[in-house]
Amino acid sequence: MPKFQDQDVIEIVRGGSRLLIAPQAGGRLLSWHLHGAPIIHWPDAADWSQPALVRGGNPLLFPFIARHRVDGRIGFWRDAQGVVREMPLHGFARDLPFDAQVDEQGASVHMTLTDSEATHARYPFSFRFEARYRLVDEATLEVGLTTTNTAEPSSDTRMPPHMPYYAGHHFYFALPHTQRSEATLSLPRNVYRHQLADGTTTAPQPGATRYSFGDPQIVDRFHCLEGEPQTPVRIDMPTLNRAIEIDLKRPDSLPWYAVTSWTLAPDADFYCVEPWLGLPDAIHNGLGLRWLAPGQSETATLRIAVSALR
């Protein structure tokens, strides 16, 4: 395996496209470069002692997304039987090592995380969570997330018959902060929500289909999709002569629930555009909460295509 920042990584190359992936660090896509230009941001000096906290790449969010609260305490969730358990921000998958396999052509990597004693205390379910990255061509990346309830059907009524989850992505797209006001985010028809300081989620409000990345109101905004998206999510960066389209309407894919826009600070040279299957605290509020029966499996797929602006 090649080395990157003194870490073992998987490198996927097709034409002028290059992916770096660290399965041992939460199955993390670290970066994507196209003809040397960064599409997915990764910092030059990353703190590998806590890779889940590095601002870059694409952390995989599973089994739940964002923050959860029980009785005002952050980092906890309550199951259907009333048992309260810990759950870190964005779930635990981004902190754990994945098994990985590169295909014979070297164009894709398939990574798998399964339940263990370490996960059962926080999430008492048998599961398999898989992520696949595939370069369709040098400018198109396909990403699939597959979640399986690997439990055997049981007549034991003390065991929960279904497994709750809502997974998602956290893509850090490279965007120099000095160019935010010229860059735009276009969305399918949507309503927007926010999570408030007490953990509750606001009522839906009619959302626009085009925003400037310089608009501070879209930081930490959940753009909840209404119906099947008829257009892709699109990022236009005129100063970079770059357009990025995120196709959320893939054959046989689960419907994506929302696209979240977020950045860390006014001087951060990235902006996150994050397709999610549910909203924060969905285990308590039901907004996008999914359930898998024993033996059931679901896949959510998207494609990211990069092109020059015309």
Protein backbone atom coordinates (compact mmCIF):
# COMPACT_ATOMS: atom_id res chain seq x y z
CA MET A 1 0.00 0.00 0.00
CA PRO A 2 1.30 3.50 -0.75
CA LYS A 3 2.03 5.93 2.06
CA PHE A 4 0.33 9.30 2.57
CA GLN A 5 1.13 11.47 5.59
CA ASP A 6 2.92 8.40 7.00
CA GLN A 7 -0.28 6.33 6.75
CA ASP A 8 -1.05 3.27 4.65
CA VAL A 9 -3.66 4.20 2.06
CA ILE A 10 -5.39 2.74 -0.97
CA GLU A 11 -4.89 4.63 -4.21
CA ILE A 12 -7.46 4.41 -7.01
CA VAL A 13 -6.38 5.98 -10.31
CA ARG A 14 -8.23 6.35 -13.58
CA GLY A 15 -6.85 8.73 -16.21
CA GLY A 16 -6.24 12.04 -14.51
CA SER A 17 -8.35 11.09 -11.47
CA ARG A 18 -6.81 9.96 -8.17
CA LEU A 19 -8.54 8.84 -4.97
CA LEU A 20 -6.80 8.21 -1.65
CA ILE A 21 -8.69 6.09 0.89
CA ALA A 22 -7.82 4.97 4.44
CA PRO A 23 -9.91 1.89 5.37
CA GLN A 24 -8.31 1.73 8.83
CA ALA A 25 -9.57 5.26 9.61
CA GLY A 26 -13.31 4.77 9.34
CA GLY A 27 -13.27 3.77 5.67
CA ARG A 28 -12.40 7.39 4.95
CA LEU A 29 -12.09 8.81 1.47
CA LEU A 30 -9.26 11.25 2.13
CA SER A 31 -9.01 13.15 -1.12
CA TRP A 32 -9.96 13.23 -4.78
CA HIS A 33 -7.77 15.06 -7.30
CA LEU A 34 -8.59 15.55 -10.96
CA HIS A 35 -5.60 16.50 -13.10
CA GLY A 36 -3.88 17.64 -9.92
CA ALA A 37 -6.70 19.93 -8.77
CA PRO A 38 -8.39 19.06 -5.43
CA ILE A 39 -12.07 18.15 -5.71
CA ILE A 40 -12.35 16.73 -2.18
CA HIS A 41 -10.33 18.68 0.39
CA TRP A 42 -7.81 17.17 2.81
CA PRO A 43 -5.57 19.32 5.05
CA ASP A 44 -1.81 19.36 4.53
CA ALA A 45 -1.24 18.79 8.26
CA ALA A 46 -3.83 16.30 9.51
CA ASP A 47 -3.89 15.08 13.12
CA TRP A 48 -3.86 11.32 12.64
CA SER A 49 -4.14 10.69 16.38
CA GLN A 50 -7.85 11.55 15.96
CA PRO A 51 -8.65 10.95 12.28
CA ALA A 52 -12.41 11.18 12.82
CA LEU A 53 -11.98 14.83 13.78
CA VAL A 54 -9.94 15.83 10.73
CA ARG A 55 -11.78 18.39 8.59
CA GLY A 56 -11.54 16.77 5.18
CA GLY A 57 -12.34 13.85 2.92
CA ASN A 58 -15.64 12.06 3.37
CA PRO A 59 -16.40 10.66 6.83
CA LEU A 60 -18.97 7.86 6.68
CA LEU A 61 -21.87 8.54 9.04
CA PHE A 62 -23.38 5.40 10.61
CA PRO A 63 -25.50 4.17 12.31
CA PHE A 64 -26.92 7.61 13.12
CA ILE A 65 -26.15 11.12 11.91
CA ALA A 66 -25.05 14.19 13.91
CA ARG A 67 -25.94 14.90 17.56
CA HIS A 68 -28.41 13.10 19.81
CA ARG A 69 -29.75 14.04 23.22
CA VAL A 70 -31.59 12.34 26.05
CA ASP A 71 -32.94 14.55 28.85
CA GLY A 72 -30.69 17.35 27.68
CA ARG A 73 -27.51 15.26 27.64
CA ILE A 74 -25.64 15.29 24.34
CA GLY A 75 -24.28 12.01 23.00
CA PHE A 76 -27.06 9.64 24.09
CA TRP A 77 -30.07 7.93 22.53
CA ARG A 78 -33.05 6.02 23.91
CA ASP A 79 -34.17 2.79 22.27
CA ALA A 80 -37.71 1.46 21.93
CA GLN A 81 -37.40 -0.38 25.25
CA GLY A 82 -36.37 2.82 27.05
CA VAL A 83 -32.70 1.89 27.44
CA VAL A 84 -30.36 4.88 27.13
CA ARG A 85 -27.03 4.35 25.37
CA GLU A 86 -24.11 6.49 24.28
CA MET A 87 -23.74 7.52 20.64
CA PRO A 88 -20.87 9.75 19.46
CA LEU A 89 -21.34 12.58 17.01
CA HIS A 90 -22.16 11.17 13.55
CA GLY A 91 -22.10 7.61 14.89
CA PHE A 92 -19.15 5.29 15.50
CA ALA A 93 -18.27 4.07 11.99
CA ARG A 94 -15.85 6.91 11.31
CA ASP A 95 -13.78 5.82 14.33
CA LEU A 96 -13.43 2.14 13.38
CA PRO A 97 -11.34 0.16 10.86
CA PHE A 98 -13.03 -1.30 7.79
CA ASP A 99 -11.97 -4.38 5.84
CA ALA A 100 -11.15 -3.41 2.25
CA GLN A 101 -10.85 -5.05 -1.14
CA VAL A 102 -9.77 -3.40 -4.40
CA ASP A 103 -11.21 -4.83 -7.62
CA GLU A 104 -8.94 -6.49 -10.19
CA GLN A 105 -9.06 -3.47 -12.51
CA GLY A 106 -8.07 -1.14 -9.69
CA ALA A 107 -11.04 1.16 -10.37
CA SER A 108 -13.01 0.58 -7.17
CA VAL A 109 -12.67 -0.29 -3.50
CA HIS A 110 -15.24 -2.14 -1.40
CA MET A 111 -15.05 -1.67 2.39
CA THR A 112 -16.97 -3.44 5.15
CA LEU A 113 -17.65 -2.82 8.83
CA THR A 114 -19.46 -5.43 10.94
CA ASP A 115 -20.75 -5.43 14.50
CA SER A 116 -18.53 -6.43 17.38
CA GLU A 117 -18.43 -6.36 21.17
CA ALA A 118 -17.18 -2.79 20.84
CA THR A 119 -20.31 -1.70 18.93
CA HIS A 120 -22.93 -3.66 20.89
CA ALA A 121 -22.80 -1.42 23.97
CA ARG A 122 -23.76 1.59 21.86
CA TYR A 123 -25.85 -0.15 19.21
CA PRO A 124 -27.17 -3.61 20.18
CA PHE A 125 -27.69 -4.92 16.67
CA SER A 126 -26.01 -7.33 14.27
CA PHE A 127 -25.12 -5.44 11.11
CA ARG A 128 -22.94 -5.17 8.05
CA PHE A 129 -22.22 -1.66 6.73
CA GLU A 130 -20.53 -1.46 3.34
CA ALA A 131 -19.12 1.44 1.33
CA ARG A 132 -18.04 1.21 -2.29
CA TYR A 133 -16.15 3.89 -4.22
CA ARG A 134 -15.88 3.42 -7.99
CA LEU A 135 -14.40 5.68 -10.66
CA VAL A 136 -16.88 5.31 -13.53
CA ASP A 137 -14.56 7.46 -15.64
CA GLU A 138 -11.87 9.94 -14.74
CA ALA A 139 -14.38 12.66 -13.86
CA THR A 140 -17.21 10.60 -12.31
CA LEU A 141 -17.21 8.95 -8.89
CA GLU A 142 -19.96 6.54 -7.82
CA VAL A 143 -20.46 5.89 -4.12
CA GLY A 144 -22.74 3.27 -2.61
CA LEU A 145 -23.65 2.61 1.02
CA THR A 146 -25.25 -0.75 1.85
CA THR A 147 -26.66 -1.54 5.29
CA THR A 148 -27.72 -5.06 6.28
CA ASN A 149 -29.41 -6.40 9.40
CA THR A 150 -27.50 -9.67 9.80
CA ALA A 151 -29.57 -10.93 12.73
CA GLU A 152 -31.44 -14.19 12.41
CA PRO A 153 -35.23 -14.06 12.76
CA SER A 154 -36.12 -14.79 16.37
CA SER A 155 -39.21 -15.60 18.38
CA ASP A 156 -37.65 -13.94 21.45
CA THR A 157 -39.91 -10.94 22.08
CA ARG A 158 -37.23 -9.34 24.25
CA MET A 159 -35.09 -8.74 21.17
CA PRO A 160 -35.99 -5.83 18.89
CA PRO A 161 -37.23 -7.33 15.59
CA HIS A 162 -36.00 -4.43 13.45
CA MET A 163 -32.77 -2.43 13.33
CA PRO A 164 -32.98 1.39 13.20
CA TYR A 165 -30.45 3.40 11.22
CA TYR A 166 -29.89 6.47 9.03
CA ALA A 167 -26.56 6.79 7.28
CA GLY A 168 -24.96 9.54 5.25
CA HIS A 169 -21.96 11.29 3.74
CA HIS A 170 -19.94 14.32 4.80
CA PHE A 171 -18.13 15.41 1.60
CA TYR A 172 -15.64 18.24 2.11
CA PHE A 173 -15.56 19.92 -1.29
CA ALA A 174 -12.53 22.11 -1.94
CA LEU A 175 -13.60 25.76 -2.22
CA PRO A 176 -11.24 28.63 -1.36
CA HIS A 177 -13.00 30.83 1.17
CA THR A 178 -12.19 33.95 -0.87
CA GLN A 179 -14.30 32.52 -3.71
CA ARG A 180 -17.43 31.57 -1.76
CA SER A 181 -19.52 34.55 -2.80
CA GLU A 182 -19.07 33.67 -6.49
CA ALA A 183 -19.89 29.97 -6.01
CA THR A 184 -23.48 28.67 -5.93
CA LEU A 185 -25.39 25.64 -4.70
CA SER A 186 -28.38 24.48 -6.75
CA LEU A 187 -30.85 21.99 -5.30
CA PRO A 188 -33.95 20.02 -6.28
CA ARG A 189 -37.29 21.10 -4.80
CA ASN A 190 -36.94 21.15 -1.01
CA VAL A 191 -37.96 22.46 2.37
CA TYR A 192 -35.33 23.39 4.92
CA ARG A 193 -34.86 22.74 8.63
CA HIS A 194 -32.28 23.45 11.34
CA GLN A 195 -31.42 21.71 14.59
CA LEU A 196 -31.81 24.05 17.56
CA ALA A 197 -29.51 24.29 20.57
CA ASP A 198 -31.82 22.09 22.65
CA GLY A 199 -31.68 19.32 20.04
CA THR A 200 -35.12 19.85 18.56
CA THR A 201 -35.58 20.36 14.84
CA THR A 202 -37.41 23.33 13.38
CA ALA A 203 -40.60 23.02 11.36
CA PRO A 204 -40.06 22.86 7.58
CA GLN A 205 -39.87 26.13 5.65
CA PRO A 206 -40.03 26.53 1.86
CA GLY A 207 -36.50 26.30 0.51
CA ALA A 208 -34.96 27.98 -2.51
CA THR A 209 -33.36 25.96 -5.27
CA ARG A 210 -30.28 28.20 -5.58
CA TYR A 211 -28.03 29.72 -2.94
CA SER A 212 -24.70 31.50 -2.77
CA PHE A 213 -22.06 29.78 -0.66
CA GLY A 214 -21.42 33.23 0.73
CA ASP A 215 -24.86 33.21 2.39
CA PRO A 216 -24.31 32.55 6.13
CA GLN A 217 -27.89 31.29 6.49
CA ILE A 218 -27.08 28.00 4.75
CA VAL A 219 -24.45 26.96 7.30
CA ASP A 220 -25.82 23.84 9.03
CA ARG A 221 -29.03 23.88 7.01
CA PHE A 222 -30.90 20.65 6.19
CA HIS A 223 -32.37 20.88 2.68
CA CYS A 224 -35.04 18.16 2.87
CA LEU A 225 -35.93 16.81 -0.57
CA GLU A 226 -39.57 16.82 -1.63
CA GLY A 227 -40.30 13.80 -3.74
CA GLU A 228 -37.90 12.22 -6.19
CA PRO A 229 -35.23 14.74 -7.20
CA GLN A 230 -35.76 15.79 -10.81
CA THR A 231 -32.44 17.63 -11.02
CA PRO A 232 -29.02 16.91 -9.53
CA VAL A 233 -27.47 18.89 -6.73
CA ARG A 234 -25.03 21.24 -8.46
CA ILE A 235 -22.05 23.26 -7.25
CA ASP A 236 -20.85 25.99 -9.60
CA MET A 237 -17.42 27.52 -8.99
CA PRO A 238 -16.87 30.12 -11.74
CA THR A 239 -13.49 31.27 -10.46
CA LEU A 240 -12.23 27.68 -10.72
CA ASN A 241 -14.09 27.03 -14.00
CA ARG A 242 -15.60 23.99 -12.30
CA ALA A 243 -19.04 22.46 -11.93
CA ILE A 244 -19.83 19.49 -9.68
CA GLU A 245 -23.10 17.59 -10.03
CA ILE A 246 -24.32 15.11 -7.43
CA ASP A 247 -26.85 12.73 -8.96
CA LEU A 248 -29.10 11.41 -6.18
CA LYS A 249 -31.53 9.65 -8.52
CA ARG A 250 -29.70 6.40 -9.18
CA PRO A 251 -31.39 3.13 -10.22
CA ASP A 252 -32.33 0.86 -7.30
CA SER A 253 -31.12 3.39 -4.72
CA LEU A 254 -32.92 4.36 -1.55
CA PRO A 255 -34.34 7.88 -1.67
CA TRP A 256 -32.01 10.40 -0.06
CA TYR A 257 -33.83 12.37 2.63
CA ALA A 258 -31.83 15.59 2.76
CA VAL A 259 -28.72 17.43 1.62
CA THR A 260 -26.98 19.37 4.38
CA SER A 261 -24.76 22.40 3.74
CA TRP A 262 -22.10 23.23 6.33
CA THR A 263 -18.68 24.79 6.78
CA LEU A 264 -16.50 25.33 9.81
CA ALA A 265 -15.59 29.02 9.63
CA PRO A 266 -15.55 32.02 7.28
CA ASP A 267 -11.91 31.31 6.40
CA ALA A 268 -12.26 27.53 5.85
CA ASP A 269 -11.20 26.49 2.35
CA PHE A 270 -13.94 23.88 2.01
CA TYR A 271 -17.69 23.63 2.01
CA CYS A 272 -19.50 20.43 2.91
CA VAL A 273 -22.45 19.24 0.85
CA GLU A 274 -23.76 16.12 2.58
CA PRO A 275 -26.42 13.69 1.28
CA TRP A 276 -28.18 12.10 4.26
CA LEU A 277 -30.77 9.34 4.64
CA GLY A 278 -32.25 11.00 7.73
CA LEU A 279 -31.92 14.01 10.02
CA PRO A 280 -30.15 14.42 13.36
CA ASP A 281 -31.98 12.75 16.27
CA ALA A 282 -34.23 10.81 13.89
CA ILE A 283 -34.27 7.92 16.37
CA HIS A 284 -36.37 10.21 18.57
CA ASN A 285 -38.16 12.47 16.07
CA GLY A 286 -38.62 10.00 13.19
CA LEU A 287 -37.36 12.36 10.47
CA GLY A 288 -35.86 9.89 8.01
CA LEU A 289 -35.57 7.03 10.50
CA ARG A 290 -35.22 3.70 8.66
CA TRP A 291 -35.85 0.18 9.97
CA LEU A 292 -34.37 -3.09 8.68
CA ALA A 293 -35.91 -6.47 9.40
CA PRO A 294 -33.57 -9.41 10.13
CA GLY A 295 -31.85 -10.39 6.89
CA GLN A 296 -32.93 -7.20 5.09
CA SER A 297 -30.47 -5.06 3.16
CA GLU A 298 -30.73 -1.56 1.61
CA THR A 299 -28.40 0.45 -0.64
CA ALA A 300 -28.16 4.21 -1.17
CA THR A 301 -26.14 5.28 -4.22
CA LEU A 302 -25.05 8.57 -5.74
CA ARG A 303 -22.72 9.80 -8.46
CA ILE A 304 -20.48 12.88 -8.40
CA ALA A 305 -19.47 14.26 -11.80
CA VAL A 306 -16.97 17.06 -12.35
CA SER A 307 -16.93 19.19 -15.48
CA ALA A 308 -15.65 22.51 -16.78
CA LEU A 309 -18.10 25.39 -16.88
CA ARG A 310 -19.18 26.41 -20.36
